[in-house]
Amino acid sequence: MSSNFNIFASYSTKDIEKIKPVLNNLLQIQGVQVFFADDDLKPGDIISRRITQNITASDIFLVFYSSSARQSSYVQQEIGVALGQNKIIIPLLLDETKPTGMLANVHYLDFSDEQKRLSEFTRLYNFIVTNKQTKDRNQLLGGLALLGIGIFALAASQNDDEDDNEDY
């Protein structure tokens, strides 16, 4: 029983070329879906509603942090929504700009340093795979628990029917 693992990508449109390779690699993980506004928003969508829905549905919130992202009102609002919903937030630094405000104490991955980029991506990849496996395992256990409750209820119902038949 494998489910989708949803990632929300928050970014400045000025950084698209830097982030697309990262997202394309994450999409290689089976069952991972990434909400990437430039690809996923459709004509006529109410942007704020779609953004909020996808943050709510996300398992992990990735914020591609840069000087452009820090200046983007959309990125800052998306961070606020993610914080308000207690999402796992992972800042990925695209330049030397460090997260500030509510993200100042959140551990980030440094993609700005070419020498660290591969090891940082590997850490991100492994974190996502581990969290996806945990989600899949928890959903399987939940499904098994419901199955057990259903079997128990069915058995109890059959016992009640047998007790009713003994009265005749």
Protein backbone atom coordinates (compact mmCIF):
# COMPACT_ATOMS: atom_id res chain seq x y z
CA MET A 1 0.00 0.00 0.00
CA SER A 2 1.93 3.00 -1.23
CA SER A 3 0.52 6.49 -1.08
CA ASN A 4 1.54 9.78 -2.54
CA PHE A 5 4.07 11.82 -0.64
CA ASN A 6 3.37 15.48 -1.27
CA ILE A 7 6.00 18.18 -1.34
CA PHE A 8 5.22 21.87 -1.65
CA ALA A 9 7.93 23.95 -3.34
CA SER A 10 8.06 27.60 -2.33
CA TYR A 11 10.36 29.80 -4.40
CA SER A 12 10.89 33.07 -6.16
CA THR A 13 10.22 32.86 -9.89
CA LYS A 14 13.63 34.49 -10.34
CA ASP A 15 15.22 31.23 -9.09
CA ILE A 16 13.35 28.75 -11.31
CA GLU A 17 16.39 27.63 -13.28
CA LYS A 18 18.26 26.84 -10.05
CA ILE A 19 15.48 24.78 -8.51
CA LYS A 20 14.14 22.76 -11.43
CA PRO A 21 17.03 20.22 -11.36
CA VAL A 22 16.43 19.61 -7.64
CA LEU A 23 12.70 19.08 -8.15
CA ASN A 24 13.25 16.84 -11.17
CA ASN A 25 15.53 14.62 -9.08
CA LEU A 26 13.01 14.46 -6.23
CA LEU A 27 10.32 13.39 -8.68
CA GLN A 28 12.41 10.27 -9.36
CA ILE A 29 11.37 8.97 -5.92
CA GLN A 30 8.42 6.66 -6.50
CA GLY A 31 5.20 8.13 -5.13
CA VAL A 32 6.55 11.65 -4.65
CA GLN A 33 4.52 14.53 -6.04
CA VAL A 34 5.73 18.10 -6.00
CA PHE A 35 3.45 21.12 -6.19
CA PHE A 36 5.35 23.57 -8.36
CA ALA A 37 3.15 26.60 -8.99
CA ASP A 38 4.63 27.47 -12.39
CA ASP A 39 3.61 24.04 -13.70
CA ASP A 40 0.58 23.23 -11.56
CA LEU A 41 -1.49 26.42 -11.50
CA LYS A 42 -4.10 26.42 -14.26
CA PRO A 43 -5.79 29.37 -15.97
CA GLY A 44 -8.64 30.58 -13.82
CA ASP A 45 -7.30 29.08 -10.57
CA ILE A 46 -7.74 31.20 -7.48
CA ILE A 47 -4.03 31.32 -6.68
CA SER A 48 -4.28 31.82 -2.93
CA ARG A 49 -6.79 28.96 -2.60
CA ARG A 50 -4.72 26.49 -4.65
CA ILE A 51 -1.53 27.46 -2.80
CA THR A 52 -3.19 27.03 0.60
CA GLN A 53 -4.80 23.71 -0.42
CA ASN A 54 -1.47 22.33 -1.57
CA ILE A 55 0.41 23.49 1.51
CA THR A 56 -2.30 21.83 3.63
CA ALA A 57 -1.96 18.59 1.62
CA SER A 58 1.83 18.61 1.75
CA ASP A 59 3.94 16.28 3.84
CA ILE A 60 7.00 18.51 3.53
CA PHE A 61 7.35 22.19 2.69
CA LEU A 62 10.56 23.05 0.82
CA VAL A 63 11.46 26.72 0.64
CA PHE A 64 14.15 27.56 -1.87
CA TYR A 65 15.66 30.46 0.01
CA SER A 66 17.54 33.28 -1.65
CA SER A 67 17.65 37.07 -1.61
CA SER A 68 14.83 36.98 -4.19
CA ALA A 69 12.77 34.60 -2.05
CA ARG A 70 13.26 36.77 1.04
CA GLN A 71 11.85 39.72 -0.94
CA SER A 72 8.93 37.76 -2.41
CA SER A 73 5.63 38.43 -0.65
CA TYR A 74 4.28 35.10 -1.96
CA VAL A 75 7.17 33.13 -0.46
CA GLN A 76 6.78 34.90 2.89
CA GLN A 77 3.02 34.24 2.93
CA GLU A 78 3.55 30.58 2.01
CA ILE A 79 6.05 30.24 4.87
CA GLY A 80 3.45 31.74 7.21
CA VAL A 81 0.80 29.25 6.10
CA ALA A 82 3.23 26.32 6.48
CA LEU A 83 4.26 27.48 9.96
CA GLY A 84 0.62 27.91 10.94
CA GLN A 85 -0.07 24.33 9.90
CA ASN A 86 3.00 22.91 11.66
CA LYS A 87 4.48 21.55 8.44
CA ILE A 88 8.00 20.20 8.24
CA ILE A 89 9.83 23.12 6.67
CA ILE A 90 13.19 22.65 5.01
CA PRO A 91 14.95 25.77 3.76
CA LEU A 92 17.31 25.13 0.84
CA LEU A 93 19.79 27.98 0.48
CA LEU A 94 20.39 29.04 -3.11
CA ASP A 95 22.76 31.88 -2.24
CA GLU A 96 24.41 33.30 0.88
CA THR A 97 21.09 34.68 2.19
CA LYS A 98 20.28 33.02 5.51
CA PRO A 99 16.70 32.52 6.70
CA THR A 100 15.44 35.18 9.07
CA GLY A 101 12.41 35.69 11.28
CA MET A 102 10.45 32.52 12.02
CA LEU A 103 12.89 30.43 9.97
CA ALA A 104 16.04 31.72 11.69
CA ASN A 105 16.26 28.63 13.93
CA VAL A 106 15.24 26.06 11.30
CA HIS A 107 18.09 23.86 10.13
CA TYR A 108 18.71 24.45 6.44
CA LEU A 109 20.53 22.68 3.63
CA ASP A 110 23.15 24.72 1.81
CA PHE A 111 22.77 24.35 -1.94
CA SER A 112 24.71 27.54 -2.59
CA ASP A 113 28.09 25.89 -2.06
CA GLU A 114 28.88 23.72 -5.09
CA GLN A 115 31.17 21.50 -3.03
CA LYS A 116 28.36 20.75 -0.55
CA ARG A 117 25.49 20.55 -3.03
CA LEU A 118 25.65 16.81 -3.75
CA SER A 119 25.95 15.81 -0.09
CA GLU A 120 23.16 18.23 0.86
CA PHE A 121 20.93 16.85 -1.88
CA THR A 122 21.66 13.31 -0.67
CA ARG A 123 20.61 14.33 2.85
CA LEU A 124 17.37 15.80 1.48
CA TYR A 125 16.69 12.76 -0.71
CA ASN A 126 17.25 10.35 2.20
CA PHE A 127 15.06 12.45 4.51
CA ILE A 128 12.21 12.39 2.02
CA VAL A 129 12.55 8.65 1.34
CA THR A 130 12.56 7.90 5.09
CA ASN A 131 9.51 10.10 5.71
CA LYS A 132 7.66 8.55 2.77
CA GLN A 133 8.38 5.05 4.08
CA THR A 134 7.14 6.06 7.53
CA LYS A 135 3.94 7.48 6.04
CA ASP A 136 3.39 4.31 3.99
CA ARG A 137 4.00 2.08 7.05
CA ASN A 138 1.62 4.16 9.21
CA GLN A 139 -1.10 4.00 6.55
CA LEU A 140 -0.62 0.25 6.25
CA LEU A 141 -0.89 -0.18 10.02
CA GLY A 142 -4.00 2.02 10.06
CA GLY A 143 -5.52 -0.09 7.30
CA LEU A 144 -4.72 -3.30 9.16
CA ALA A 145 -6.25 -1.89 12.35
CA LEU A 146 -9.46 -1.02 10.48
CA LEU A 147 -9.50 -4.49 8.94
CA GLY A 148 -9.11 -6.03 12.40
CA ILE A 149 -11.95 -3.91 13.79
CA GLY A 150 -14.12 -4.90 10.82
CA ILE A 151 -13.42 -8.61 11.34
CA PHE A 152 -14.12 -8.27 15.07
CA ALA A 153 -17.42 -6.46 14.37
CA LEU A 154 -18.41 -9.09 11.81
CA ALA A 155 -17.62 -11.91 14.23
CA ALA A 156 -19.58 -10.17 17.00
CA SER A 157 -22.50 -9.68 14.63
CA GLN A 158 -22.48 -13.36 13.67
CA ASN A 159 -22.37 -14.37 17.33
CA ASP A 160 -25.37 -12.12 18.02
CA ASP A 161 -27.23 -13.75 15.10
CA GLU A 162 -26.43 -17.23 16.48
CA ASP A 163 -27.64 -16.19 19.95
CA ASP A 164 -30.87 -14.87 18.41
CA ASN A 165 -31.40 -18.16 16.56
CA GLU A 166 -31.04 -20.19 19.78
CA ASP A 167 -34.17 -18.53 21.14
CA TYR A 168 -36.35 -20.17 18.45
